Structure formats: C-alpha cells, structure tokens
Amino acid sequence: MQEIDDMLDEAETAFEAGEYLTNDEVFHH
C-alpha cells in the first residue's frame, strides 16, 4: 500500500506540473 500511495503521489505531482499525455498520445504510444 505504501508503494501504491507513493506512485499515486508522484503521478499527482506530475499531473499538477502539466507532465501528462493526452488520450491521443497514449493511443499513439
């Protein structure tokens, strides 16, 4: 659970910083 919480915190921080892929980019990759 700690690892999952850490990964979620990291993903939320990246999202707030604008570091994410759009649906089209995910589909393409």
PDB file of all heavy atoms in Angstrom:
ATOM      1  N   MET A   1       0.836  -1.205   0.000  1.00  0.00           N
ATOM      2  CA  MET A   1       0.000   0.000   0.000  1.00  0.00           C
ATOM      3  C   MET A   1       0.870   1.253   0.000  1.00  0.00           C
ATOM      4  O   MET A   1       0.537   2.247  -0.638  1.00  0.00           O
ATOM      5  CB  MET A   1      -0.963   0.008   1.194  1.00  0.00           C
ATOM      6  CG  MET A   1      -2.127  -0.955   1.044  1.00  0.00           C
ATOM      7  SD  MET A   1      -3.075  -0.730  -0.483  1.00  0.00           S
ATOM      8  CE  MET A   1      -3.693   0.918  -0.307  1.00  0.00           C
ATOM      9  N   GLN A   2       2.003   1.202   0.685  1.00  0.00           N
ATOM     10  CA  GLN A   2       2.903   2.353   0.708  1.00  0.00           C
ATOM     11  C   GLN A   2       3.454   2.637  -0.687  1.00  0.00           C
ATOM     12  O   GLN A   2       3.531   3.785  -1.107  1.00  0.00           O
ATOM     13  CB  GLN A   2       4.048   2.128   1.704  1.00  0.00           C
ATOM     14  CG  GLN A   2       4.969   3.323   1.845  1.00  0.00           C
ATOM     15  CD  GLN A   2       4.237   4.570   2.348  1.00  0.00           C
ATOM     16  OE1 GLN A   2       3.515   4.508   3.325  1.00  0.00           O
ATOM     17  NE2 GLN A   2       4.417   5.696   1.668  1.00  0.00           N
ATOM     18  N   GLU A   3       3.829   1.591  -1.407  1.00  0.00           N
ATOM     19  CA  GLU A   3       4.329   1.783  -2.771  1.00  0.00           C
ATOM     20  C   GLU A   3       3.247   2.370  -3.675  1.00  0.00           C
ATOM     21  O   GLU A   3       3.527   3.254  -4.490  1.00  0.00           O
ATOM     22  CB  GLU A   3       4.824   0.451  -3.341  1.00  0.00           C
ATOM     23  CG  GLU A   3       6.104  -0.049  -2.703  1.00  0.00           C
ATOM     24  CD  GLU A   3       6.469  -1.455  -3.126  1.00  0.00           C
ATOM     25  OE1 GLU A   3       5.559  -2.287  -3.319  1.00  0.00           O
ATOM     26  OE2 GLU A   3       7.681  -1.718  -3.263  1.00  0.00           O
ATOM     27  N   ILE A   4       2.024   1.897  -3.534  1.00  0.00           N
ATOM     28  CA  ILE A   4       0.917   2.422  -4.341  1.00  0.00           C
ATOM     29  C   ILE A   4       0.670   3.889  -4.003  1.00  0.00           C
ATOM     30  O   ILE A   4       0.515   4.729  -4.899  1.00  0.00           O
ATOM     31  CB  ILE A   4      -0.361   1.583  -4.133  1.00  0.00           C
ATOM     32  CG1 ILE A   4      -0.152   0.181  -4.719  1.00  0.00           C
ATOM     33  CG2 ILE A   4      -1.571   2.263  -4.768  1.00  0.00           C
ATOM     34  CD1 ILE A   4      -1.244  -0.801  -4.388  1.00  0.00           C
ATOM     35  N   ASP A   5       0.647   4.208  -2.719  1.00  0.00           N
ATOM     36  CA  ASP A   5       0.462   5.610  -2.300  1.00  0.00           C
ATOM     37  C   ASP A   5       1.569   6.501  -2.854  1.00  0.00           C
ATOM     38  O   ASP A   5       1.304   7.610  -3.337  1.00  0.00           O
ATOM     39  CB  ASP A   5       0.426   5.722  -0.774  1.00  0.00           C
ATOM     40  CG  ASP A   5      -0.858   5.181  -0.169  1.00  0.00           C
ATOM     41  OD1 ASP A   5      -1.861   5.071  -0.905  1.00  0.00           O
ATOM     42  OD2 ASP A   5      -0.862   4.887   1.041  1.00  0.00           O
ATOM     43  N   ASP A   6       2.809   6.019  -2.806  1.00  0.00           N
ATOM     44  CA  ASP A   6       3.938   6.797  -3.328  1.00  0.00           C
ATOM     45  C   ASP A   6       3.801   7.028  -4.830  1.00  0.00           C
ATOM     46  O   ASP A   6       4.055   8.128  -5.323  1.00  0.00           O
ATOM     47  CB  ASP A   6       5.263   6.103  -3.014  1.00  0.00           C
ATOM     48  CG  ASP A   6       5.599   6.097  -1.535  1.00  0.00           C
ATOM     49  OD1 ASP A   6       4.980   6.880  -0.768  1.00  0.00           O
ATOM     50  OD2 ASP A   6       6.476   5.306  -1.133  1.00  0.00           O
ATOM     51  N   MET A   7       3.394   5.988  -5.569  1.00  0.00           N
ATOM     52  CA  MET A   7       3.228   6.131  -7.012  1.00  0.00           C
ATOM     53  C   MET A   7       2.099   7.110  -7.339  1.00  0.00           C
ATOM     54  O   MET A   7       2.221   7.917  -8.274  1.00  0.00           O
ATOM     55  CB  MET A   7       2.949   4.770  -7.656  1.00  0.00           C
ATOM     56  CG  MET A   7       4.172   3.871  -7.729  1.00  0.00           C
ATOM     57  SD  MET A   7       3.909   2.326  -8.637  1.00  0.00           S
ATOM     58  CE  MET A   7       2.931   1.388  -7.464  1.00  0.00           C
ATOM     59  N   LEU A   8       1.016   7.051  -6.579  1.00  0.00           N
ATOM     60  CA  LEU A   8      -0.088   7.986  -6.795  1.00  0.00           C
ATOM     61  C   LEU A   8       0.335   9.422  -6.494  1.00  0.00           C
ATOM     62  O   LEU A   8       0.001  10.341  -7.248  1.00  0.00           O
ATOM     63  CB  LEU A   8      -1.298   7.600  -5.938  1.00  0.00           C
ATOM     64  CG  LEU A   8      -2.060   6.368  -6.403  1.00  0.00           C
ATOM     65  CD1 LEU A   8      -3.091   5.950  -5.360  1.00  0.00           C
ATOM     66  CD2 LEU A   8      -2.721   6.620  -7.745  1.00  0.00           C
ATOM     67  N   ASP A   9       1.065   9.611  -5.403  1.00  0.00           N
ATOM     68  CA  ASP A   9       1.558  10.956  -5.069  1.00  0.00           C
ATOM     69  C   ASP A   9       2.458  11.493  -6.186  1.00  0.00           C
ATOM     70  O   ASP A   9       2.346  12.651  -6.579  1.00  0.00           O
ATOM     71  CB  ASP A   9       2.335  10.934  -3.744  1.00  0.00           C
ATOM     72  CG  ASP A   9       1.428  10.708  -2.551  1.00  0.00           C
ATOM     73  OD1 ASP A   9       0.205  10.905  -2.676  1.00  0.00           O
ATOM     74  OD2 ASP A   9       1.963  10.331  -1.483  1.00  0.00           O
ATOM     75  N   GLU A  10       3.335  10.647  -6.700  1.00  0.00           N
ATOM     76  CA  GLU A  10       4.239  11.053  -7.775  1.00  0.00           C
ATOM     77  C   GLU A  10       3.445  11.408  -9.046  1.00  0.00           C
ATOM     78  O   GLU A  10       3.728  12.410  -9.704  1.00  0.00           O
ATOM     79  CB  GLU A  10       5.206   9.909  -8.069  1.00  0.00           C
ATOM     80  CG  GLU A  10       6.270  10.233  -9.078  1.00  0.00           C
ATOM     81  CD  GLU A  10       7.235   9.072  -9.285  1.00  0.00           C
ATOM     82  OE1 GLU A  10       7.606   8.425  -8.288  1.00  0.00           O
ATOM     83  OE2 GLU A  10       7.594   8.834 -10.448  1.00  0.00           O
ATOM     84  N   ALA A  11       2.434  10.599  -9.371  1.00  0.00           N
ATOM     85  CA  ALA A  11       1.621  10.859 -10.559  1.00  0.00           C
ATOM     86  C   ALA A  11       0.818  12.155 -10.408  1.00  0.00           C
ATOM     87  O   ALA A  11       0.705  12.944 -11.357  1.00  0.00           O
ATOM     88  CB  ALA A  11       0.682   9.688 -10.820  1.00  0.00           C
ATOM     89  N   GLU A  12       0.273  12.396  -9.221  1.00  0.00           N
ATOM     90  CA  GLU A  12      -0.488  13.622  -8.991  1.00  0.00           C
ATOM     91  C   GLU A  12       0.406  14.859  -9.095  1.00  0.00           C
ATOM     92  O   GLU A  12       0.005  15.881  -9.661  1.00  0.00           O
ATOM     93  CB  GLU A  12      -1.178  13.575  -7.626  1.00  0.00           C
ATOM     94  CG  GLU A  12      -2.333  12.586  -7.592  1.00  0.00           C
ATOM     95  CD  GLU A  12      -2.883  12.361  -6.192  1.00  0.00           C
ATOM     96  OE1 GLU A  12      -2.262  12.818  -5.203  1.00  0.00           O
ATOM     97  OE2 GLU A  12      -3.940  11.717  -6.084  1.00  0.00           O
ATOM     98  N   THR A  13       1.616  14.765  -8.580  1.00  0.00           N
ATOM     99  CA  THR A  13       2.557  15.873  -8.670  1.00  0.00           C
ATOM    100  C   THR A  13       2.918  16.158 -10.125  1.00  0.00           C
ATOM    101  O   THR A  13       2.952  17.320 -10.552  1.00  0.00           O
ATOM    102  CB  THR A  13       3.835  15.558  -7.859  1.00  0.00           C
ATOM    103  OG1 THR A  13       3.471  15.326  -6.493  1.00  0.00           O
ATOM    104  CG2 THR A  13       4.835  16.686  -7.938  1.00  0.00           C
ATOM    105  N   ALA A  14       3.167  15.105 -10.890  1.00  0.00           N
ATOM    106  CA  ALA A  14       3.492  15.273 -12.303  1.00  0.00           C
ATOM    107  C   ALA A  14       2.304  15.873 -13.060  1.00  0.00           C
ATOM    108  O   ALA A  14       2.481  16.759 -13.906  1.00  0.00           O
ATOM    109  CB  ALA A  14       3.884  13.933 -12.923  1.00  0.00           C
ATOM    110  N   PHE A  15       1.100  15.436 -12.745  1.00  0.00           N
ATOM    111  CA  PHE A  15      -0.094  15.960 -13.417  1.00  0.00           C
ATOM    112  C   PHE A  15      -0.264  17.447 -13.133  1.00  0.00           C
ATOM    113  O   PHE A  15      -0.530  18.236 -14.037  1.00  0.00           O
ATOM    114  CB  PHE A  15      -1.332  15.182 -12.970  1.00  0.00           C
ATOM    115  CG  PHE A  15      -2.592  15.647 -13.637  1.00  0.00           C
ATOM    116  CD1 PHE A  15      -2.894  15.248 -14.930  1.00  0.00           C
ATOM    117  CD2 PHE A  15      -3.466  16.487 -12.978  1.00  0.00           C
ATOM    118  CE1 PHE A  15      -4.054  15.682 -15.554  1.00  0.00           C
ATOM    119  CE2 PHE A  15      -4.629  16.934 -13.586  1.00  0.00           C
ATOM    120  CZ  PHE A  15      -4.927  16.525 -14.885  1.00  0.00           C
ATOM    121  N   GLU A  16      -0.092  17.823 -11.861  1.00  0.00           N
ATOM    122  CA  GLU A  16      -0.227  19.235 -11.488  1.00  0.00           C
ATOM    123  C   GLU A  16       0.835  20.098 -12.173  1.00  0.00           C
ATOM    124  O   GLU A  16       0.606  21.269 -12.455  1.00  0.00           O
ATOM    125  CB  GLU A  16      -0.141  19.390  -9.973  1.00  0.00           C
ATOM    126  CG  GLU A  16      -1.370  18.844  -9.255  1.00  0.00           C
ATOM    127  CD  GLU A  16      -1.202  18.788  -7.744  1.00  0.00           C
ATOM    128  OE1 GLU A  16      -0.123  19.157  -7.239  1.00  0.00           O
ATOM    129  OE2 GLU A  16      -2.148  18.341  -7.080  1.00  0.00           O
ATOM    130  N   ALA A  17       1.989  19.505 -12.489  1.00  0.00           N
ATOM    131  CA  ALA A  17       3.062  20.226 -13.175  1.00  0.00           C
ATOM    132  C   ALA A  17       2.855  20.215 -14.694  1.00  0.00           C
ATOM    133  O   ALA A  17       3.679  20.751 -15.432  1.00  0.00           O
ATOM    134  CB  ALA A  17       4.415  19.605 -12.831  1.00  0.00           C
ATOM    135  N   GLY A  18       1.762  19.613 -15.143  1.00  0.00           N
ATOM    136  CA  GLY A  18       1.476  19.572 -16.571  1.00  0.00           C
ATOM    137  C   GLY A  18       2.215  18.480 -17.321  1.00  0.00           C
ATOM    138  O   GLY A  18       2.283  18.503 -18.548  1.00  0.00           O
ATOM    139  N   GLU A  19       2.749  17.521 -16.591  1.00  0.00           N
ATOM    140  CA  GLU A  19       3.501  16.425 -17.207  1.00  0.00           C
ATOM    141  C   GLU A  19       2.587  15.214 -17.375  1.00  0.00           C
ATOM    142  O   GLU A  19       2.526  14.341 -16.520  1.00  0.00           O
ATOM    143  CB  GLU A  19       4.699  16.059 -16.341  1.00  0.00           C
ATOM    144  CG  GLU A  19       5.668  17.202 -16.132  1.00  0.00           C
ATOM    145  CD  GLU A  19       6.698  16.909 -15.065  1.00  0.00           C
ATOM    146  OE1 GLU A  19       6.697  15.787 -14.495  1.00  0.00           O
ATOM    147  OE2 GLU A  19       7.500  17.802 -14.774  1.00  0.00           O
ATOM    148  N   TYR A  20       1.880  15.191 -18.476  1.00  0.00           N
ATOM    149  CA  TYR A  20       0.989  14.072 -18.745  1.00  0.00           C
ATOM    150  C   TYR A  20       0.774  13.955 -20.245  1.00  0.00           C
ATOM    151  O   TYR A  20       1.099  14.858 -21.003  1.00  0.00           O
ATOM    152  CB  TYR A  20      -0.349  14.229 -18.031  1.00  0.00           C
ATOM    153  CG  TYR A  20      -1.073  15.509 -18.378  1.00  0.00           C
ATOM    154  CD1 TYR A  20      -1.925  15.573 -19.470  1.00  0.00           C
ATOM    155  CD2 TYR A  20      -0.898  16.658 -17.612  1.00  0.00           C
ATOM    156  CE1 TYR A  20      -2.581  16.747 -19.793  1.00  0.00           C
ATOM    157  CE2 TYR A  20      -1.561  17.836 -17.918  1.00  0.00           C
ATOM    158  CZ  TYR A  20      -2.407  17.873 -19.005  1.00  0.00           C
ATOM    159  OH  TYR A  20      -3.052  19.037 -19.315  1.00  0.00           O
ATOM    160  N   LEU A  21       0.228  12.824 -20.663  1.00  0.00           N
ATOM    161  CA  LEU A  21      -0.056  12.586 -22.068  1.00  0.00           C
ATOM    162  C   LEU A  21      -1.558  12.728 -22.300  1.00  0.00           C
ATOM    163  O   LEU A  21      -2.361  12.366 -21.440  1.00  0.00           O
ATOM    164  CB  LEU A  21       0.370  11.166 -22.474  1.00  0.00           C
ATOM    165  CG  LEU A  21       1.849  10.829 -22.326  1.00  0.00           C
ATOM    166  CD1 LEU A  21       2.084   9.353 -22.642  1.00  0.00           C
ATOM    167  CD2 LEU A  21       2.690  11.703 -23.231  1.00  0.00           C
ATOM    168  N   THR A  22      -1.918  13.217 -23.477  1.00  0.00           N
ATOM    169  CA  THR A  22      -3.330  13.273 -23.844  1.00  0.00           C
ATOM    170  C   THR A  22      -3.786  11.868 -24.248  1.00  0.00           C
ATOM    171  O   THR A  22      -2.957  10.966 -24.455  1.00  0.00           O
ATOM    172  CB  THR A  22      -3.556  14.227 -25.024  1.00  0.00           C
ATOM    173  OG1 THR A  22      -2.897  13.684 -26.178  1.00  0.00           O
ATOM    174  CG2 THR A  22      -3.033  15.628 -24.720  1.00  0.00           C
ATOM    175  N   ASN A  23      -5.083  11.679 -24.389  1.00  0.00           N
ATOM    176  CA  ASN A  23      -5.600  10.385 -24.830  1.00  0.00           C
ATOM    177  C   ASN A  23      -5.018   9.994 -26.178  1.00  0.00           C
ATOM    178  O   ASN A  23      -4.670   8.833 -26.409  1.00  0.00           O
ATOM    179  CB  ASN A  23      -7.129  10.420 -24.926  1.00  0.00           C
ATOM    180  CG  ASN A  23      -7.771  10.456 -23.562  1.00  0.00           C
ATOM    181  OD1 ASN A  23      -7.152  10.124 -22.568  1.00  0.00           O
ATOM    182  ND2 ASN A  23      -9.025  10.856 -23.526  1.00  0.00           N
ATOM    183  N   ASP A  24      -4.915  10.962 -27.090  1.00  0.00           N
ATOM    184  CA  ASP A  24      -4.365  10.676 -28.410  1.00  0.00           C
ATOM    185  C   ASP A  24      -2.907  10.231 -28.329  1.00  0.00           C
ATOM    186  O   ASP A  24      -2.482   9.318 -29.045  1.00  0.00           O
ATOM    187  CB  ASP A  24      -4.477  11.906 -29.319  1.00  0.00           C
ATOM    188  CG  ASP A  24      -5.915  12.212 -29.706  1.00  0.00           C
ATOM    189  OD1 ASP A  24      -6.759  11.288 -29.654  1.00  0.00           O
ATOM    190  OD2 ASP A  24      -6.192  13.378 -30.048  1.00  0.00           O
ATOM    191  N   GLU A  25      -2.138  10.857 -27.463  1.00  0.00           N
ATOM    192  CA  GLU A  25      -0.735  10.480 -27.298  1.00  0.00           C
ATOM    193  C   GLU A  25      -0.610   9.070 -26.712  1.00  0.00           C
ATOM    194  O   GLU A  25       0.228   8.278 -27.150  1.00  0.00           O
ATOM    195  CB  GLU A  25      -0.007  11.490 -26.410  1.00  0.00           C
ATOM    196  CG  GLU A  25       0.161  12.857 -27.043  1.00  0.00           C
ATOM    197  CD  GLU A  25       0.648  13.909 -26.055  1.00  0.00           C
ATOM    198  OE1 GLU A  25       0.276  13.850 -24.864  1.00  0.00           O
ATOM    199  OE2 GLU A  25       1.396  14.796 -26.505  1.00  0.00           O
ATOM    200  N   VAL A  26      -1.439   8.757 -25.732  1.00  0.00           N
ATOM    201  CA  VAL A  26      -1.422   7.408 -25.135  1.00  0.00           C
ATOM    202  C   VAL A  26      -1.780   6.380 -26.196  1.00  0.00           C
ATOM    203  O   VAL A  26      -1.136   5.338 -26.324  1.00  0.00           O
ATOM    204  CB  VAL A  26      -2.388   7.323 -23.932  1.00  0.00           C
ATOM    205  CG1 VAL A  26      -2.534   5.880 -23.467  1.00  0.00           C
ATOM    206  CG2 VAL A  26      -1.907   8.211 -22.800  1.00  0.00           C
ATOM    207  N   PHE A  27      -2.822   6.665 -26.987  1.00  0.00           N
ATOM    208  CA  PHE A  27      -3.239   5.748 -28.040  1.00  0.00           C
ATOM    209  C   PHE A  27      -2.095   5.525 -29.030  1.00  0.00           C
ATOM    210  O   PHE A  27      -1.799   4.395 -29.419  1.00  0.00           O
ATOM    211  CB  PHE A  27      -4.474   6.289 -28.766  1.00  0.00           C
ATOM    212  CG  PHE A  27      -4.937   5.410 -29.882  1.00  0.00           C
ATOM    213  CD1 PHE A  27      -5.637   4.239 -29.619  1.00  0.00           C
ATOM    214  CD2 PHE A  27      -4.671   5.744 -31.190  1.00  0.00           C
ATOM    215  CE1 PHE A  27      -6.053   3.418 -30.642  1.00  0.00           C
ATOM    216  CE2 PHE A  27      -5.075   4.918 -32.237  1.00  0.00           C
ATOM    217  CZ  PHE A  27      -5.783   3.753 -31.966  1.00  0.00           C
ATOM    218  N   HIS A  28      -1.430   6.596 -29.425  1.00  0.00           N
ATOM    219  CA  HIS A  28      -0.333   6.516 -30.379  1.00  0.00           C
ATOM    220  C   HIS A  28       0.827   5.667 -29.818  1.00  0.00           C
ATOM    221  O   HIS A  28       1.343   4.770 -30.493  1.00  0.00           O
ATOM    222  CB  HIS A  28       0.166   7.920 -30.744  1.00  0.00           C
ATOM    223  CG  HIS A  28       1.338   7.915 -31.675  1.00  0.00           C
ATOM    224  ND1 HIS A  28       1.225   7.604 -33.007  1.00  0.00           N
ATOM    225  CD2 HIS A  28       2.646   8.178 -31.449  1.00  0.00           C
ATOM    226  CE1 HIS A  28       2.422   7.680 -33.568  1.00  0.00           C
ATOM    227  NE2 HIS A  28       3.298   8.028 -32.652  1.00  0.00           N
ATOM    228  N   HIS A  29       1.211   5.908 -28.574  1.00  0.00           N
ATOM    229  CA  HIS A  29       2.303   5.140 -27.950  1.00  0.00           C
ATOM    230  C   HIS A  29       1.918   3.681 -27.792  1.00  0.00           C
ATOM    231  O   HIS A  29       2.747   2.790 -28.012  1.00  0.00           O
ATOM    232  CB  HIS A  29       2.664   5.734 -26.579  1.00  0.00           C
ATOM    233  CG  HIS A  29       3.378   7.040 -26.656  1.00  0.00           C
ATOM    234  ND1 HIS A  29       4.631   7.195 -27.196  1.00  0.00           N
ATOM    235  CD2 HIS A  29       3.010   8.283 -26.246  1.00  0.00           C
ATOM    236  CE1 HIS A  29       5.017   8.439 -27.138  1.00  0.00           C
ATOM    237  NE2 HIS A  29       4.042   9.139 -26.559  1.00  0.00           N
TER     238      HIS A  29
END
